PDB file of N, CA and C in Angstrom:
ATOM      1  N   MET A   1     124.620  75.969 127.137  1.00  0.00           N
ATOM      2  CA  MET A   1     123.373  76.387 126.558  1.00  0.00           C
ATOM      3  C   MET A   1     123.561  77.273 125.324  1.00  0.00           C
ATOM      4  N   ALA A   2     124.802  77.411 124.917  1.00  0.00           N
ATOM      5  CA  ALA A   2     125.074  78.225 123.742  1.00  0.00           C
ATOM      6  C   ALA A   2     124.477  77.573 122.506  1.00  0.00           C
ATOM      7  N   GLY A   3     124.439  76.242 122.460  1.00  0.00           N
ATOM      8  CA  GLY A   3     123.864  75.520 121.326  1.00  0.00           C
ATOM      9  C   GLY A   3     122.370  75.768 121.226  1.00  0.00           C
ATOM     10  N   THR A   4     121.689  75.879 122.343  1.00  0.00           N
ATOM     11  CA  THR A   4     120.250  76.136 122.346  1.00  0.00           C
ATOM     12  C   THR A   4     119.959  77.529 121.815  1.00  0.00           C
ATOM     13  N   ASP A   5     120.778  78.509 122.214  1.00  0.00           N
ATOM     14  CA  ASP A   5     120.594  79.873 121.719  1.00  0.00           C
ATOM     15  C   ASP A   5     120.790  79.935 120.201  1.00  0.00           C
ATOM     16  N   THR A   6     121.796  79.198 119.722  1.00  0.00           N
ATOM     17  CA  THR A   6     122.060  79.174 118.289  1.00  0.00           C
ATOM     18  C   THR A   6     120.899  78.513 117.548  1.00  0.00           C
ATOM     19  N   SER A   7     120.363  77.441 118.102  1.00  0.00           N
ATOM     20  CA  SER A   7     119.230  76.752 117.479  1.00  0.00           C
ATOM     21  C   SER A   7     118.004  77.653 117.434  1.00  0.00           C
ATOM     22  N   LEU A   8     117.769  78.362 118.519  1.00  0.00           N
ATOM     23  CA  LEU A   8     116.620  79.281 118.552  1.00  0.00           C
ATOM     24  C   LEU A   8     116.804  80.421 117.549  1.00  0.00           C
ATOM     25  N   GLU A   9     118.048  80.899 117.462  1.00  0.00           N
ATOM     26  CA  GLU A   9     118.332  81.979 116.514  1.00  0.00           C
ATOM     27  C   GLU A   9     118.137  81.483 115.072  1.00  0.00           C
ATOM     28  N   LEU A  10     118.576  80.260 114.807  1.00  0.00           N
ATOM     29  CA  LEU A  10     118.413  79.677 113.477  1.00  0.00           C
ATOM     30  C   LEU A  10     116.925  79.505 113.144  1.00  0.00           C
ATOM     31  N   LEU A  11     116.156  79.025 114.107  1.00  0.00           N
ATOM     32  CA  LEU A  11     114.706  78.887 113.900  1.00  0.00           C
ATOM     33  C   LEU A  11     114.056  80.240 113.627  1.00  0.00           C
ATOM     34  N   GLN A  12     114.492  81.261 114.355  1.00  0.00           N
ATOM     35  CA  GLN A  12     113.948  82.604 114.154  1.00  0.00           C
ATOM     36  C   GLN A  12     114.307  83.137 112.772  1.00  0.00           C
ATOM     37  N   LEU A  13     115.557  82.916 112.352  1.00  0.00           N
ATOM     38  CA  LEU A  13     115.977  83.356 111.022  1.00  0.00           C
ATOM     39  C   LEU A  13     115.194  82.650 109.924  1.00  0.00           C
ATOM     40  N   ARG A  14     114.943  81.355 110.108  1.00  0.00           N
ATOM     41  CA  ARG A  14     114.149  80.611 109.123  1.00  0.00           C
ATOM     42  C   ARG A  14     112.710  81.138 109.070  1.00  0.00           C
ATOM     43  N   ALA A  15     112.151  81.460 110.208  1.00  0.00           N
ATOM     44  CA  ALA A  15     110.796  82.018 110.252  1.00  0.00           C
ATOM     45  C   ALA A  15     110.763  83.385 109.582  1.00  0.00           C
ATOM     46  N   ASP A  16     111.792  84.198 109.838  1.00  0.00           N
ATOM     47  CA  ASP A  16     111.872  85.516 109.202  1.00  0.00           C
ATOM     48  C   ASP A  16     112.000  85.380 107.685  1.00  0.00           C
ATOM     49  N   LEU A  17     112.810  84.402 107.244  1.00  0.00           N
ATOM     50  CA  LEU A  17     112.980  84.170 105.814  1.00  0.00           C
ATOM     51  C   LEU A  17     111.660  83.732 105.174  1.00  0.00           C
ATOM     52  N   ALA A  18     110.940  82.848 105.826  1.00  0.00           N
ATOM     53  CA  ALA A  18     109.648  82.390 105.309  1.00  0.00           C
ATOM     54  C   ALA A  18     108.665  83.562 105.217  1.00  0.00           C
ATOM     55  N   ALA A  19     108.669  84.423 106.224  1.00  0.00           N
ATOM     56  CA  ALA A  19     107.792  85.588 106.208  1.00  0.00           C
ATOM     57  C   ALA A  19     108.172  86.548 105.087  1.00  0.00           C
ATOM     58  N   ALA A  20     109.463  86.747 104.871  1.00  0.00           N
ATOM     59  CA  ALA A  20     109.929  87.633 103.806  1.00  0.00           C
ATOM     60  C   ALA A  20     109.558  87.073 102.440  1.00  0.00           C
ATOM     61  N   ARG A  21     109.689  85.760 102.276  1.00  0.00           N
ATOM     62  CA  ARG A  21     109.293  85.132 101.005  1.00  0.00           C
ATOM     63  C   ARG A  21     107.788  85.294 100.767  1.00  0.00           C
ATOM     64  N   HIS A  22     107.022  85.118 101.815  1.00  0.00           N
ATOM     65  CA  HIS A  22     105.564  85.272 101.706  1.00  0.00           C
ATOM     66  C   HIS A  22     105.208  86.707 101.310  1.00  0.00           C
ATOM     67  N   THR A  23     105.867  87.663 101.926  1.00  0.00           N
ATOM     68  CA  THR A  23     105.629  89.071 101.600  1.00  0.00           C
ATOM     69  C   THR A  23     106.014  89.360 100.146  1.00  0.00           C
ATOM     70  N   ALA A  24     107.137  88.801  99.702  1.00  0.00           N
ATOM     71  CA  ALA A  24     107.583  89.008  98.320  1.00  0.00           C
ATOM     72  C   ALA A  24     106.603  88.378  97.333  1.00  0.00           C
ATOM     73  N   GLU A  25     106.102  87.198  97.640  1.00  0.00           N
ATOM     74  CA  GLU A  25     105.112  86.549  96.766  1.00  0.00           C
ATOM     75  C   GLU A  25     103.842  87.378  96.669  1.00  0.00           C
ATOM     76  N   ASN A  26     103.391  87.902  97.801  1.00  0.00           N
ATOM     77  CA  ASN A  26     102.190  88.746  97.791  1.00  0.00           C
ATOM     78  C   ASN A  26     102.411  90.013  96.974  1.00  0.00           C
ATOM     79  N   ALA A  27     103.590  90.597  97.100  1.00  0.00           N
ATOM     80  CA  ALA A  27     103.900  91.805  96.330  1.00  0.00           C
ATOM     81  C   ALA A  27     103.933  91.489  94.839  1.00  0.00           C
ATOM     82  N   GLN A  28     104.478  90.334  94.474  1.00  0.00           N
ATOM     83  CA  GLN A  28     104.524  89.946  93.069  1.00  0.00           C
ATOM     84  C   GLN A  28     103.120  89.713  92.525  1.00  0.00           C
ATOM     85  N   ILE A  29     102.273  89.090  93.297  1.00  0.00           N
ATOM     86  CA  ILE A  29     100.881  88.865  92.878  1.00  0.00           C
ATOM     87  C   ILE A  29     100.170  90.193  92.667  1.00  0.00           C
ATOM     88  N   LYS A  30     100.355  91.136  93.602  1.00  0.00           N
ATOM     89  CA  LYS A  30      99.727  92.449  93.460  1.00  0.00           C
ATOM     90  C   LYS A  30     100.244  93.190  92.237  1.00  0.00           C
ATOM     91  N   ALA A  31     101.549  93.060  91.956  1.00  0.00           N
ATOM     92  CA  ALA A  31     102.122  93.718  90.780  1.00  0.00           C
ATOM     93  C   ALA A  31     101.540  93.132  89.497  1.00  0.00           C
ATOM     94  N   LEU A  32     101.390  91.823  89.444  1.00  0.00           N
ATOM     95  CA  LEU A  32     100.806  91.182  88.266  1.00  0.00           C
ATOM     96  C   LEU A  32      99.338  91.577  88.091  1.00  0.00           C
ATOM     97  N   GLU A  33      98.609  91.671  89.199  1.00  0.00           N
ATOM     98  CA  GLU A  33      97.213  92.096  89.119  1.00  0.00           C
ATOM     99  C   GLU A  33      97.105  93.533  88.620  1.00  0.00           C
ATOM    100  N   ALA A  34      98.003  94.392  89.094  1.00  0.00           N
ATOM    101  CA  ALA A  34      97.995  95.788  88.647  1.00  0.00           C
ATOM    102  C   ALA A  34      98.344  95.879  87.163  1.00  0.00           C
ATOM    103  N   GLU A  35      99.287  95.059  86.724  1.00  0.00           N
ATOM    104  CA  GLU A  35      99.662  95.046  85.306  1.00  0.00           C
ATOM    105  C   GLU A  35      98.498  94.568  84.436  1.00  0.00           C
ATOM    106  N   ALA A  36      97.792  93.561  84.897  1.00  0.00           N
ATOM    107  CA  ALA A  36      96.627  93.056  84.159  1.00  0.00           C
ATOM    108  C   ALA A  36      95.532  94.115  84.096  1.00  0.00           C
ATOM    109  N   GLU A  37      95.313  94.809  85.187  1.00  0.00           N
ATOM    110  CA  GLU A  37      94.298  95.868  85.211  1.00  0.00           C
ATOM    111  C   GLU A  37      94.684  97.000  84.266  1.00  0.00           C
ATOM    112  N   ALA A  38      95.953  97.361  84.232  1.00  0.00           N
ATOM    113  CA  ALA A  38      96.412  98.412  83.318  1.00  0.00           C
ATOM    114  C   ALA A  38      96.211  97.988  81.868  1.00  0.00           C
ATOM    115  N   ALA A  39      96.481  96.732  81.559  1.00  0.00           N
ATOM    116  CA  ALA A  39      96.274  96.234  80.198  1.00  0.00           C
ATOM    117  C   ALA A  39      94.795  96.269  79.841  1.00  0.00           C
ATOM    118  N   ARG A  40      93.943  95.935  80.798  1.00  0.00           N
ATOM    119  CA  ARG A  40      92.491  95.966  80.566  1.00  0.00           C
ATOM    120  C   ARG A  40      92.029  97.392  80.285  1.00  0.00           C
ATOM    121  N   VAL A  41      92.544  98.336  81.040  1.00  0.00           N
ATOM    122  CA  VAL A  41      92.167  99.739  80.849  1.00  0.00           C
ATOM    123  C   VAL A  41      92.660 100.243  79.495  1.00  0.00           C
ATOM    124  N   ARG A  42      93.875  99.855  79.106  1.00  0.00           N
ATOM    125  CA  ARG A  42      94.387 100.252  77.782  1.00  0.00           C
ATOM    126  C   ARG A  42      93.526  99.682  76.666  1.00  0.00           C
ATOM    127  N   ALA A  43      93.075  98.441  76.821  1.00  0.00           N
ATOM    128  CA  ALA A  43      92.220  97.818  75.802  1.00  0.00           C
ATOM    129  C   ALA A  43      90.878  98.537  75.708  1.00  0.00           C
ATOM    130  N   ILE A  44      90.311  98.883  76.840  1.00  0.00           N
ATOM    131  CA  ILE A  44      89.041  99.615  76.847  1.00  0.00           C
ATOM    132  C   ILE A  44      89.232 100.975  76.191  1.00  0.00           C
ATOM    133  N   ASN A  45      90.322 101.645  76.505  1.00  0.00           N
ATOM    134  CA  ASN A  45      90.607 102.960  75.927  1.00  0.00           C
ATOM    135  C   ASN A  45      90.749 102.869  74.406  1.00  0.00           C
ATOM    136  N   ALA A  46      91.469 101.859  73.932  1.00  0.00           N
ATOM    137  CA  ALA A  46      91.649 101.687  72.487  1.00  0.00           C
ATOM    138  C   ALA A  46      90.307 101.431  71.816  1.00  0.00           C
ATOM    139  N   ASP A  47      89.468 100.627  72.451  1.00  0.00           N
ATOM    140  CA  ASP A  47      88.144 100.353  71.897  1.00  0.00           C
ATOM    141  C   ASP A  47      87.313 101.626  71.826  1.00  0.00           C
ATOM    142  N   LEU A  48      87.345 102.417  72.873  1.00  0.00           N
ATOM    143  CA  LEU A  48      86.571 103.666  72.891  1.00  0.00           C
ATOM    144  C   LEU A  48      87.075 104.650  71.837  1.00  0.00           C
ATOM    145  N   LEU A  49      88.380 104.718  71.656  1.00  0.00           N
ATOM    146  CA  LEU A  49      88.933 105.598  70.618  1.00  0.00           C
ATOM    147  C   LEU A  49      88.478 105.155  69.233  1.00  0.00           C
ATOM    148  N   ALA A  50      88.478 103.847  68.993  1.00  0.00           N
ATOM    149  CA  ALA A  50      88.033 103.333  67.701  1.00  0.00           C
ATOM    150  C   ALA A  50      86.553 103.620  67.488  1.00  0.00           C
ATOM    151  N   ARG A  51      85.750 103.422  68.509  1.00  0.00           N
ATOM    152  CA  ARG A  51      84.312 103.707  68.391  1.00  0.00           C
ATOM    153  C   ARG A  51      84.068 105.191  68.144  1.00  0.00           C
ATOM    154  N   ASN A  52      84.824 106.033  68.822  1.00  0.00           N
ATOM    155  CA  ASN A  52      84.686 107.472  68.644  1.00  0.00           C
ATOM    156  C   ASN A  52      85.032 107.877  67.216  1.00  0.00           C
ATOM    157  N   ALA A  53      86.113 107.318  66.684  1.00  0.00           N
ATOM    158  CA  ALA A  53      86.506 107.623  65.310  1.00  0.00           C
ATOM    159  C   ALA A  53      85.425 107.166  64.333  1.00  0.00           C
ATOM    160  N   HIS A  54      84.855 106.007  64.588  1.00  0.00           N
ATOM    161  CA  HIS A  54      83.794 105.509  63.724  1.00  0.00           C
ATOM    162  C   HIS A  54      82.569 106.427  63.775  1.00  0.00           C
ATOM    163  N   LEU A  55      82.198 106.859  64.959  1.00  0.00           N
ATOM    164  CA  LEU A  55      81.049 107.759  65.101  1.00  0.00           C
ATOM    165  C   LEU A  55      81.309 109.108  64.432  1.00  0.00           C
ATOM    166  N   GLU A  56      82.535 109.610  64.539  1.00  0.00           N
ATOM    167  CA  GLU A  56      82.875 110.864  63.868  1.00  0.00           C
ATOM    168  C   GLU A  56      82.766 110.706  62.357  1.00  0.00           C
ATOM    169  N   LEU A  57      83.207 109.569  61.839  1.00  0.00           N
ATOM    170  CA  LEU A  57      83.112 109.307  60.404  1.00  0.00           C
ATOM    171  C   LEU A  57      81.647 109.242  59.976  1.00  0.00           C
ATOM    172  N   MET A  58      80.834 108.525  60.734  1.00  0.00           N
ATOM    173  CA  MET A  58      79.405 108.444  60.406  1.00  0.00           C
ATOM    174  C   MET A  58      78.764 109.822  60.445  1.00  0.00           C
ATOM    175  N   ASN A  59      79.129 110.630  61.424  1.00  0.00           N
ATOM    176  CA  ASN A  59      78.586 111.976  61.553  1.00  0.00           C
ATOM    177  C   ASN A  59      78.964 112.824  60.342  1.00  0.00           C
ATOM    178  N   GLU A  60      80.226 112.730  59.928  1.00  0.00           N
ATOM    179  CA  GLU A  60      80.668 113.492  58.758  1.00  0.00           C
ATOM    180  C   GLU A  60      79.943 113.035  57.498  1.00  0.00           C
ATOM    181  N   LYS A  61      79.741 111.735  57.344  1.00  0.00           N
ATOM    182  CA  LYS A  61      79.020 111.232  56.177  1.00  0.00           C
ATOM    183  C   LYS A  61      77.574 111.718  56.162  1.00  0.00           C
ATOM    184  N   MET A  62      76.922 111.703  57.327  1.00  0.00           N
ATOM    185  CA  MET A  62      75.538 112.177  57.400  1.00  0.00           C
ATOM    186  C   MET A  62      75.463 113.676  57.103  1.00  0.00           C
ATOM    187  N   ARG A  63      76.425 114.427  57.625  1.00  0.00           N
ATOM    188  CA  ARG A  63      76.468 115.859  57.348  1.00  0.00           C
ATOM    189  C   ARG A  63      76.639 116.117  55.848  1.00  0.00           C
ATOM    190  N   ARG A  64      77.499 115.336  55.259  1.00  0.00           N
ATOM    191  CA  ARG A  64      77.750 115.495  53.822  1.00  0.00           C
ATOM    192  C   ARG A  64      76.503 115.135  53.016  1.00  0.00           C
ATOM    193  N   ASP A  65      75.828 114.050  53.410  1.00  0.00           N
ATOM    194  CA  ASP A  65      74.590 113.668  52.721  1.00  0.00           C
ATOM    195  C   ASP A  65      73.520 114.744  52.869  1.00  0.00           C
ATOM    196  N   LYS A  66      73.478 115.351  54.037  1.00  0.00           N
ATOM    197  CA  LYS A  66      72.442 116.356  54.294  1.00  0.00           C
ATOM    198  C   LYS A  66      72.756 117.687  53.615  1.00  0.00           C
ATOM    199  N   TYR A  67      73.987 118.156  53.720  1.00  0.00           N
ATOM    200  CA  TYR A  67      74.323 119.498  53.240  1.00  0.00           C
ATOM    201  C   TYR A  67      75.119 119.492  51.932  1.00  0.00           C
ATOM    202  N   GLY A  68      75.620 118.347  51.526  1.00  0.00           N
ATOM    203  CA  GLY A  68      76.420 118.288  50.312  1.00  0.00           C
ATOM    204  C   GLY A  68      77.867 118.646  50.594  1.00  0.00           C
ATOM    205  N   ALA A  69      78.689 118.440  49.571  1.00  0.00           N
ATOM    206  CA  ALA A  69      80.113 118.766  49.707  1.00  0.00           C
ATOM    207  C   ALA A  69      80.277 120.258  49.525  1.00  0.00           C
ATOM    208  N   SER A  70      80.690 120.945  50.573  1.00  0.00           N
ATOM    209  CA  SER A  70      80.815 122.403  50.494  1.00  0.00           C
ATOM    210  C   SER A  70      82.174 122.826  49.966  1.00  0.00           C
ATOM    211  N   SER A  71      83.152 121.954  50.058  1.00  0.00           N
ATOM    212  CA  SER A  71      84.467 122.325  49.562  1.00  0.00           C
ATOM    213  C   SER A  71      85.311 121.083  49.358  1.00  0.00           C
ATOM    214  N   GLU A  72      86.370 121.234  48.600  1.00  0.00           N
ATOM    215  CA  GLU A  72      87.300 120.131  48.383  1.00  0.00           C
ATOM    216  C   GLU A  72      87.994 119.755  49.682  1.00  0.00           C
ATOM    217  N   ARG A  73      88.206 120.732  50.557  1.00  0.00           N
ATOM    218  CA  ARG A  73      88.865 120.469  51.842  1.00  0.00           C
ATOM    219  C   ARG A  73      88.043 119.499  52.684  1.00  0.00           C
ATOM    220  N   SER A  74      86.725 119.677  52.728  1.00  0.00           N
ATOM    221  CA  SER A  74      85.903 118.776  53.529  1.00  0.00           C
ATOM    222  C   SER A  74      85.944 117.362  52.970  1.00  0.00           C
ATOM    223  N   ARG A  75      86.006 117.231  51.646  1.00  0.00           N
ATOM    224  CA  ARG A  75      86.104 115.903  51.031  1.00  0.00           C
ATOM    225  C   ARG A  75      87.447 115.258  51.404  1.00  0.00           C
ATOM    226  N   HIS A  76      88.492 116.052  51.390  1.00  0.00           N
ATOM    227  CA  HIS A  76      89.827 115.551  51.748  1.00  0.00           C
ATOM    228  C   HIS A  76      89.833 115.080  53.212  1.00  0.00           C
ATOM    229  N   ILE A  77      89.236 115.835  54.087  1.00  0.00           N
ATOM    230  CA  ILE A  77      89.174 115.464  55.506  1.00  0.00           C
ATOM    231  C   ILE A  77      88.378 114.163  55.679  1.00  0.00           C
ATOM    232  N   LEU A  78      87.262 114.052  54.973  1.00  0.00           N
ATOM    233  CA  LEU A  78      86.446 112.843  55.049  1.00  0.00           C
ATOM    234  C   LEU A  78      87.225 111.626  54.553  1.00  0.00           C
ATOM    235  N   ASP A  79      87.954 111.794  53.455  1.00  0.00           N
ATOM    236  CA  ASP A  79      88.772 110.710  52.937  1.00  0.00           C
ATOM    237  C   ASP A  79      89.827 110.275  53.944  1.00  0.00           C
ATOM    238  N   GLN A  80      90.436 111.243  54.620  1.00  0.00           N
ATOM    239  CA  GLN A  80      91.441 110.930  55.626  1.00  0.00           C
ATOM    240  C   GLN A  80      90.821 110.164  56.798  1.00  0.00           C
ATOM    241  N   MET A  81      89.646 110.577  57.206  1.00  0.00           N
ATOM    242  CA  MET A  81      88.983 109.905  58.328  1.00  0.00           C
ATOM    243  C   MET A  81      88.649 108.453  57.977  1.00  0.00           C
ATOM    244  N   GLU A  82      88.290 108.207  56.703  1.00  0.00           N
ATOM    245  CA  GLU A  82      87.970 106.843  56.298  1.00  0.00           C
ATOM    246  C   GLU A  82      89.192 105.948  56.311  1.00  0.00           C
ATOM    247  N   LEU A  83      90.358 106.511  56.096  1.00  0.00           N
ATOM    248  CA  LEU A  83      91.588 105.716  56.112  1.00  0.00           C
ATOM    249  C   LEU A  83      91.967 105.277  57.508  1.00  0.00           C
ATOM    250  N   VAL A  84      91.542 106.009  58.513  1.00  0.00           N
ATOM    251  CA  VAL A  84      91.926 105.718  59.900  1.00  0.00           C
ATOM    252  C   VAL A  84      91.149 104.586  60.446  1.00  0.00           C
TER     253      VAL A  84
END
């Protein structure tokens, strides 16, 4: 009956291997999903930063239109903001 024990052990090892492969595939899928989510968050963050910079530029332009250029420094800062 030693052959039967070996066959059962081989079947068990194959089942364990299949389970380990399944676990590894699931872990890889979760890692890819997390990477995609991180990329999505980075894209949203970049968009928000760009929108914020645009709003700051518009605010500075409106302030300048309303109050005028008070100094050369403010004009220099406004020029720098437009380049960004």
